Amino acid sequence: MKWGKFKKVLAVGMAAVFAAALFTGCGGSGDSGKKFLNIATGGTAGTYYPIGGAMAEILNKEIKGMNASAQSTGATVANINMLKDGSVDLAIVQNDITYYAVNGTEMFKDKNVDNIRGIATLYPETCQFVTLDGTGIKSIADLRGKKVAVGAAGSGAEANARQILEAYGITYDDIDVQYLSFAEGASALKDGNVDAAFLTAGYPTASVQDISSQNKIRLLPVDADKADALIAKYPFYTKTVIPAGTYAGFDQEVPTISVMAMLVATDKVDDQMGYDIAKAIFSNLDRLQAAHSVGKLITKEGALKGMSLPMNAGAEKFFKE
């Protein structure tokens, strides 16, 4: 081949490669070339990681040309920051922390994140106040004047605890507040160093099961009027009932509230891709159920429950069809 002709062929080839590279970034939705999506999850011992891994498998099987992969991360706050800087395309996050990010409040005060869109809400992460039966504490109102582990300082759980106490007219000035992670709070509760401990997690929660295997516990209900007031003020909350017998030795049904785990995307994921992602995942829920027990709580009917930010238009279209 002559040099001039070779240069021309080379130029055409490079242009094609460049066009393909442009196309195959997150959100490209045609059939030619690969489409790459990185999904941020959480720690390998948690719930987000297996669910995210199953989602990646579903997308790879159901969407032509898809190359999706799930990665272990530091969970919600880290995931939102990764979405903000564009290092991931999709992430599993809590809807309350996402609400704070979009609105620039709590741990995202004055640091609004405006490039994320909702794909779907997934399953409840339940707010649980736990005490030992021997403390005599039977309601959240009884926590006034008590030692209460509210979660690690600045965490999503701590914000949940503060908001629920506030609904009962209780501030941190009214309790002996202990900023402990739930693992630390559970240990302190067993040792009698706190009167109650708070966590936000799917039930049954392993650390609460551990306490109930050695001690008679009690879960404190969130009364219906307080739940309604919280939902009116903070739209990310939803009502939940923890079934009787969820924890050994405690046979009462407990009304409370939950935040929702949810799947979100950057605004670089276009509407067609958002539609395709929602359709693929919610047409294959059996695979999520096989990945983790919380999968059975993920339903198409519940996919807009607790949605705390603007949605990807394609995903919204799928759920409203």
Protein backbone atom coordinates (compact mmCIF):
# COMPACT_ATOMS: atom_id res chain seq x y z
CA MET A 1 0.00 0.00 0.00
CA LYS A 2 1.36 3.44 -0.87
CA TRP A 3 2.23 5.76 2.01
CA GLY A 4 -0.38 8.39 1.09
CA LYS A 5 -3.14 5.81 0.89
CA PHE A 6 -1.93 4.20 4.13
CA LYS A 7 -2.10 7.56 5.93
CA LYS A 8 -5.66 8.05 4.70
CA VAL A 9 -6.73 4.58 5.89
CA LEU A 10 -4.98 5.19 9.22
CA ALA A 11 -6.78 8.52 9.68
CA VAL A 12 -10.17 6.95 8.95
CA GLY A 13 -9.39 4.13 11.39
CA MET A 14 -8.33 6.53 14.16
CA ALA A 15 -11.49 8.57 13.64
CA ALA A 16 -13.57 5.42 14.01
CA VAL A 17 -11.75 4.47 17.21
CA PHE A 18 -12.26 7.99 18.61
CA ALA A 19 -15.96 7.92 17.76
CA ALA A 20 -16.31 4.52 19.42
CA ALA A 21 -14.51 5.81 22.52
CA LEU A 22 -16.92 8.74 22.71
CA PHE A 23 -19.85 6.41 22.32
CA THR A 24 -18.90 3.78 24.86
CA GLY A 25 -18.77 6.07 27.87
CA CYS A 26 -21.51 5.68 30.44
CA GLY A 27 -24.97 6.03 29.03
CA GLY A 28 -24.24 5.21 25.37
CA SER A 29 -27.30 3.24 24.32
CA GLY A 30 -26.87 2.04 20.73
CA ASP A 31 -25.90 -1.47 19.72
CA SER A 32 -22.39 -0.98 18.33
CA GLY A 33 -19.43 -1.09 20.70
CA LYS A 34 -19.27 -1.83 24.39
CA LYS A 35 -21.05 0.21 27.04
CA PHE A 36 -19.11 0.39 30.31
CA LEU A 37 -20.83 1.01 33.66
CA ASN A 38 -19.14 1.00 37.10
CA ILE A 39 -21.48 0.28 40.02
CA ALA A 40 -20.40 1.47 43.49
CA THR A 41 -21.70 -0.72 46.32
CA GLY A 42 -20.37 -1.08 49.89
CA GLY A 43 -18.15 -3.34 51.98
CA THR A 44 -17.86 -6.99 50.95
CA ALA A 45 -19.51 -8.13 54.21
CA GLY A 46 -22.54 -5.89 53.74
CA THR A 47 -25.73 -6.02 51.68
CA TYR A 48 -24.93 -3.56 48.88
CA TYR A 49 -22.02 -5.59 47.49
CA PRO A 50 -23.87 -8.84 46.63
CA ILE A 51 -26.90 -6.91 45.35
CA GLY A 52 -24.67 -4.71 43.18
CA GLY A 53 -22.82 -7.76 41.87
CA ALA A 54 -26.12 -9.39 40.87
CA MET A 55 -27.19 -6.17 39.15
CA ALA A 56 -23.98 -6.11 37.11
CA GLU A 57 -24.60 -9.72 36.01
CA ILE A 58 -28.18 -8.87 35.01
CA LEU A 59 -27.12 -5.82 32.99
CA ASN A 60 -24.37 -7.78 31.22
CA LYS A 61 -26.82 -10.51 30.25
CA GLU A 62 -29.83 -8.37 29.36
CA ILE A 63 -28.36 -5.27 27.64
CA LYS A 64 -26.55 -5.82 24.37
CA GLY A 65 -22.90 -4.74 24.46
CA MET A 66 -22.97 -4.01 28.21
CA ASN A 67 -19.85 -4.36 30.34
CA ALA A 68 -20.97 -3.58 33.91
CA SER A 69 -18.91 -4.24 37.02
CA ALA A 70 -19.58 -3.79 40.73
CA GLN A 71 -16.90 -2.47 43.07
CA SER A 72 -16.58 -2.56 46.84
CA THR A 73 -16.59 0.92 48.44
CA GLY A 74 -17.13 2.75 51.71
CA ALA A 75 -20.92 2.83 51.00
CA THR A 76 -23.29 5.78 50.69
CA VAL A 77 -21.29 8.94 51.45
CA ALA A 78 -18.25 7.62 49.53
CA ASN A 79 -20.50 6.50 46.68
CA ILE A 80 -22.11 9.91 46.31
CA ASN A 81 -18.69 11.56 46.18
CA MET A 82 -17.62 9.06 43.50
CA LEU A 83 -20.74 9.85 41.47
CA LYS A 84 -20.00 13.55 41.89
CA ASP A 85 -16.48 13.21 40.48
CA GLY A 86 -17.59 10.82 37.72
CA SER A 87 -15.49 7.82 38.80
CA VAL A 88 -18.62 5.61 38.89
CA ASP A 89 -21.83 5.65 36.85
CA LEU A 90 -24.28 3.87 39.15
CA ALA A 91 -24.35 3.42 42.93
CA ILE A 92 -26.42 1.86 45.69
CA VAL A 93 -27.03 4.48 48.39
CA GLN A 94 -29.41 5.38 51.22
CA ASN A 95 -32.19 7.74 50.13
CA ASP A 96 -31.85 9.99 53.19
CA ILE A 97 -28.15 10.69 52.65
CA THR A 98 -28.85 11.23 48.95
CA TYR A 99 -31.51 13.78 49.94
CA TYR A 100 -28.92 15.59 52.08
CA ALA A 101 -26.48 15.58 49.14
CA VAL A 102 -29.00 16.97 46.65
CA ASN A 103 -30.19 19.64 49.11
CA GLY A 104 -26.81 20.52 50.67
CA THR A 105 -27.71 19.63 54.28
CA GLU A 106 -26.29 17.49 57.13
CA MET A 107 -22.91 15.98 56.13
CA PHE A 108 -23.25 17.69 52.71
CA LYS A 109 -23.98 21.12 54.16
CA ASP A 110 -23.10 23.75 51.50
CA LYS A 111 -21.71 20.96 49.26
CA ASN A 112 -24.69 20.24 47.01
CA VAL A 113 -24.36 17.35 44.56
CA ASP A 114 -26.48 18.10 41.50
CA ASN A 115 -25.42 15.48 38.95
CA ILE A 116 -27.27 12.43 40.31
CA ARG A 117 -30.64 10.98 39.27
CA GLY A 118 -32.81 8.26 40.78
CA ILE A 119 -33.23 4.91 39.04
CA ALA A 120 -35.29 3.09 41.71
CA THR A 121 -35.70 2.58 45.44
CA LEU A 122 -34.89 -0.97 46.51
CA TYR A 123 -35.58 -2.12 50.08
CA PRO A 124 -36.03 -0.64 53.56
CA GLU A 125 -33.20 0.04 56.00
CA THR A 126 -35.05 0.23 59.26
CA CYS A 127 -34.60 2.65 62.16
CA GLN A 128 -34.29 0.60 65.35
CA PHE A 129 -34.02 1.82 68.93
CA VAL A 130 -32.93 -1.16 71.05
CA THR A 131 -32.92 -1.43 74.84
CA LEU A 132 -32.68 -4.25 77.36
CA ASP A 133 -35.95 -5.31 78.92
CA GLY A 134 -34.53 -4.70 82.39
CA THR A 135 -34.16 -0.93 81.83
CA GLY A 136 -37.93 -0.46 82.03
CA ILE A 137 -37.79 1.78 78.92
CA LYS A 138 -40.88 1.14 76.78
CA SER A 139 -41.12 4.17 74.51
CA ILE A 140 -38.88 6.73 72.85
CA ALA A 141 -40.39 9.34 75.19
CA ASP A 142 -38.82 7.38 78.09
CA LEU A 143 -35.31 8.08 76.72
CA ARG A 144 -35.25 11.56 78.28
CA GLY A 145 -32.42 11.64 80.84
CA LYS A 146 -30.98 8.30 79.67
CA LYS A 147 -27.62 7.32 78.12
CA VAL A 148 -28.33 6.78 74.43
CA ALA A 149 -25.91 5.60 71.73
CA VAL A 150 -27.07 7.51 68.63
CA GLY A 151 -24.55 6.35 66.00
CA ALA A 152 -21.15 7.63 64.94
CA ALA A 153 -20.88 11.43 64.82
CA GLY A 154 -21.86 12.76 61.40
CA SER A 155 -23.25 9.43 60.19
CA GLY A 156 -26.56 8.90 58.46
CA ALA A 157 -27.78 6.83 61.41
CA GLU A 158 -26.98 9.64 63.83
CA ALA A 159 -29.05 12.05 61.72
CA ASN A 160 -31.95 9.55 61.78
CA ALA A 161 -31.72 9.21 65.58
CA ARG A 162 -31.64 13.00 66.05
CA GLN A 163 -34.67 13.53 63.78
CA ILE A 164 -36.74 10.82 65.51
CA LEU A 165 -35.91 12.15 68.98
CA GLU A 166 -36.81 15.64 67.76
CA ALA A 167 -40.28 14.37 66.76
CA TYR A 168 -40.75 13.45 70.44
CA GLY A 169 -39.55 16.88 71.59
CA ILE A 170 -36.22 15.44 72.78
CA THR A 171 -32.91 17.15 71.93
CA TYR A 172 -29.38 15.99 72.72
CA ASP A 173 -29.53 18.35 75.72
CA ASP A 174 -32.23 16.08 77.17
CA ILE A 175 -30.21 12.84 76.99
CA ASP A 176 -26.68 11.70 77.82
CA VAL A 177 -25.68 11.37 74.18
CA GLN A 178 -23.06 8.78 73.19
CA TYR A 179 -21.62 8.98 69.67
CA LEU A 180 -21.01 5.27 69.11
CA SER A 181 -21.26 3.14 65.98
CA PHE A 182 -23.86 0.43 66.43
CA ALA A 183 -21.17 -2.22 66.97
CA GLU A 184 -19.82 -0.07 69.81
CA GLY A 185 -23.34 0.78 71.01
CA ALA A 186 -24.34 -2.90 71.06
CA SER A 187 -21.32 -3.73 73.19
CA ALA A 188 -22.09 -0.82 75.54
CA LEU A 189 -25.73 -1.93 75.79
CA LYS A 190 -24.72 -5.49 76.76
CA ASP A 191 -22.27 -4.12 79.36
CA GLY A 192 -24.86 -1.75 80.82
CA ASN A 193 -22.89 1.36 79.80
CA VAL A 194 -25.80 2.79 77.78
CA ASP A 195 -29.55 2.47 78.29
CA ALA A 196 -30.47 2.29 74.60
CA ALA A 197 -28.70 2.10 71.25
CA PHE A 198 -29.85 3.18 67.79
CA LEU A 199 -29.12 1.74 64.36
CA THR A 200 -30.37 1.99 60.79
CA ALA A 201 -30.13 -1.38 59.03
CA GLY A 202 -32.21 -4.06 57.38
CA TYR A 203 -33.82 -6.44 59.87
CA PRO A 204 -33.04 -8.91 61.30
CA THR A 205 -29.74 -7.17 62.08
CA ALA A 206 -26.91 -9.50 63.10
CA SER A 207 -25.68 -7.30 65.97
CA VAL A 208 -29.21 -7.12 67.47
CA GLN A 209 -29.57 -10.88 67.08
CA ASP A 210 -26.31 -11.23 68.99
CA ILE A 211 -27.65 -9.12 71.89
CA SER A 212 -30.99 -10.96 71.93
CA SER A 213 -29.23 -14.34 72.08
CA GLN A 214 -27.84 -13.39 75.51
CA ASN A 215 -30.27 -10.78 76.85
CA LYS A 216 -34.00 -10.06 76.78
CA ILE A 217 -34.36 -7.01 74.52
CA ARG A 218 -37.08 -4.54 73.59
CA LEU A 219 -37.48 -2.51 70.39
CA LEU A 220 -39.07 0.91 70.85
CA PRO A 221 -41.92 1.82 68.49
CA VAL A 222 -42.23 5.05 66.49
CA ASP A 223 -45.86 6.10 67.06
CA ALA A 224 -48.02 6.65 63.98
CA ASP A 225 -48.51 10.41 64.56
CA LYS A 226 -44.75 10.89 65.00
CA ALA A 227 -44.06 8.83 61.86
CA ASP A 228 -46.53 11.00 59.89
CA ALA A 229 -44.85 14.18 61.13
CA LEU A 230 -41.39 12.85 60.21
CA ILE A 231 -42.52 11.82 56.72
CA ALA A 232 -44.10 15.26 56.17
CA LYS A 233 -40.83 16.96 57.12
CA TYR A 234 -38.39 14.42 55.64
CA PRO A 235 -39.88 12.78 52.51
CA PHE A 236 -37.27 10.00 52.46
CA TYR A 237 -38.87 8.19 55.42
CA THR A 238 -41.42 5.39 54.98
CA LYS A 239 -43.49 3.48 57.53
CA THR A 240 -42.35 -0.06 58.39
CA VAL A 241 -43.50 -2.77 60.77
CA ILE A 242 -40.90 -5.13 62.24
CA PRO A 243 -42.72 -8.48 62.62
CA ALA A 244 -43.15 -10.12 66.01
CA GLY A 245 -40.45 -12.70 66.64
CA THR A 246 -37.87 -11.04 64.39
CA TYR A 247 -35.51 -11.19 67.39
CA ALA A 248 -35.33 -14.05 69.86
CA GLY A 249 -37.43 -13.54 72.97
CA PHE A 250 -39.24 -10.44 71.73
CA ASP A 251 -42.65 -11.32 70.37
CA GLN A 252 -44.21 -7.94 69.72
CA GLU A 253 -44.84 -6.30 66.36
CA VAL A 254 -43.03 -2.94 66.24
CA PRO A 255 -44.17 -0.03 64.06
CA THR A 256 -41.26 2.20 63.07
CA ILE A 257 -39.87 4.05 60.06
CA SER A 258 -37.26 3.22 57.48
CA VAL A 259 -35.06 4.91 54.95
CA MET A 260 -34.64 3.13 51.62
CA ALA A 261 -31.64 1.68 49.87
CA MET A 262 -31.80 2.96 46.30
CA LEU A 263 -30.06 2.78 42.94
CA VAL A 264 -28.93 6.09 41.47
CA ALA A 265 -26.97 7.17 38.39
CA THR A 266 -25.04 10.20 37.22
CA ASP A 267 -26.75 12.53 34.77
CA LYS A 268 -24.37 11.17 32.11
CA VAL A 269 -26.50 8.00 31.98
CA ASP A 270 -28.97 8.95 29.26
CA ASP A 271 -32.72 8.34 29.33
CA GLN A 272 -32.66 5.28 27.07
CA MET A 273 -29.97 3.67 29.19
CA GLY A 274 -31.90 4.53 32.36
CA TYR A 275 -34.95 2.80 30.89
CA ASP A 276 -32.89 -0.24 29.86
CA ILE A 277 -31.28 -0.52 33.32
CA ALA A 278 -34.63 -0.32 35.16
CA LYS A 279 -36.26 -2.81 32.77
CA ALA A 280 -33.37 -5.31 32.98
CA ILE A 281 -33.17 -5.28 36.80
CA PHE A 282 -36.89 -5.27 37.54
CA SER A 283 -37.58 -8.02 35.00
CA ASN A 284 -35.05 -10.28 36.76
CA LEU A 285 -35.75 -9.82 40.46
CA ASP A 286 -35.30 -13.56 41.06
CA ARG A 287 -31.56 -13.05 40.55
CA LEU A 288 -31.46 -10.36 43.26
CA GLN A 289 -33.38 -12.67 45.59
CA ALA A 290 -30.77 -15.37 44.98
CA ALA A 291 -27.95 -12.92 45.77
CA HIS A 292 -29.19 -11.82 49.23
CA SER A 293 -32.27 -12.24 51.44
CA VAL A 294 -33.17 -8.53 51.12
CA GLY A 295 -33.76 -9.22 47.42
CA LYS A 296 -37.24 -10.47 48.26
CA LEU A 297 -38.13 -6.95 49.48
CA ILE A 298 -37.29 -5.36 46.10
CA THR A 299 -40.43 -4.95 43.99
CA LYS A 300 -41.49 -2.98 40.93
CA GLU A 301 -44.52 -1.72 42.92
CA GLY A 302 -42.22 -0.26 45.60
CA ALA A 303 -39.62 1.22 43.27
CA LEU A 304 -40.79 4.83 43.68
CA LYS A 305 -41.44 4.61 47.44
CA GLY A 306 -39.24 7.13 49.28
CA MET A 307 -37.70 8.49 46.05
CA SER A 308 -35.76 11.48 47.38
CA LEU A 309 -34.37 13.16 44.25
CA PRO A 310 -35.29 13.81 40.59
CA MET A 311 -35.37 10.61 38.54
CA ASN A 312 -33.70 9.61 35.32
CA ALA A 313 -36.56 10.22 32.85
CA GLY A 314 -36.15 6.83 31.18
CA ALA A 315 -36.31 4.91 34.47
CA GLU A 316 -39.35 6.95 35.52
CA LYS A 317 -41.03 6.11 32.20
CA PHE A 318 -40.46 2.37 32.78
CA PHE A 319 -42.11 2.41 36.21
CA LYS A 320 -45.06 4.51 35.04
CA GLU A 321 -45.82 2.41 31.95
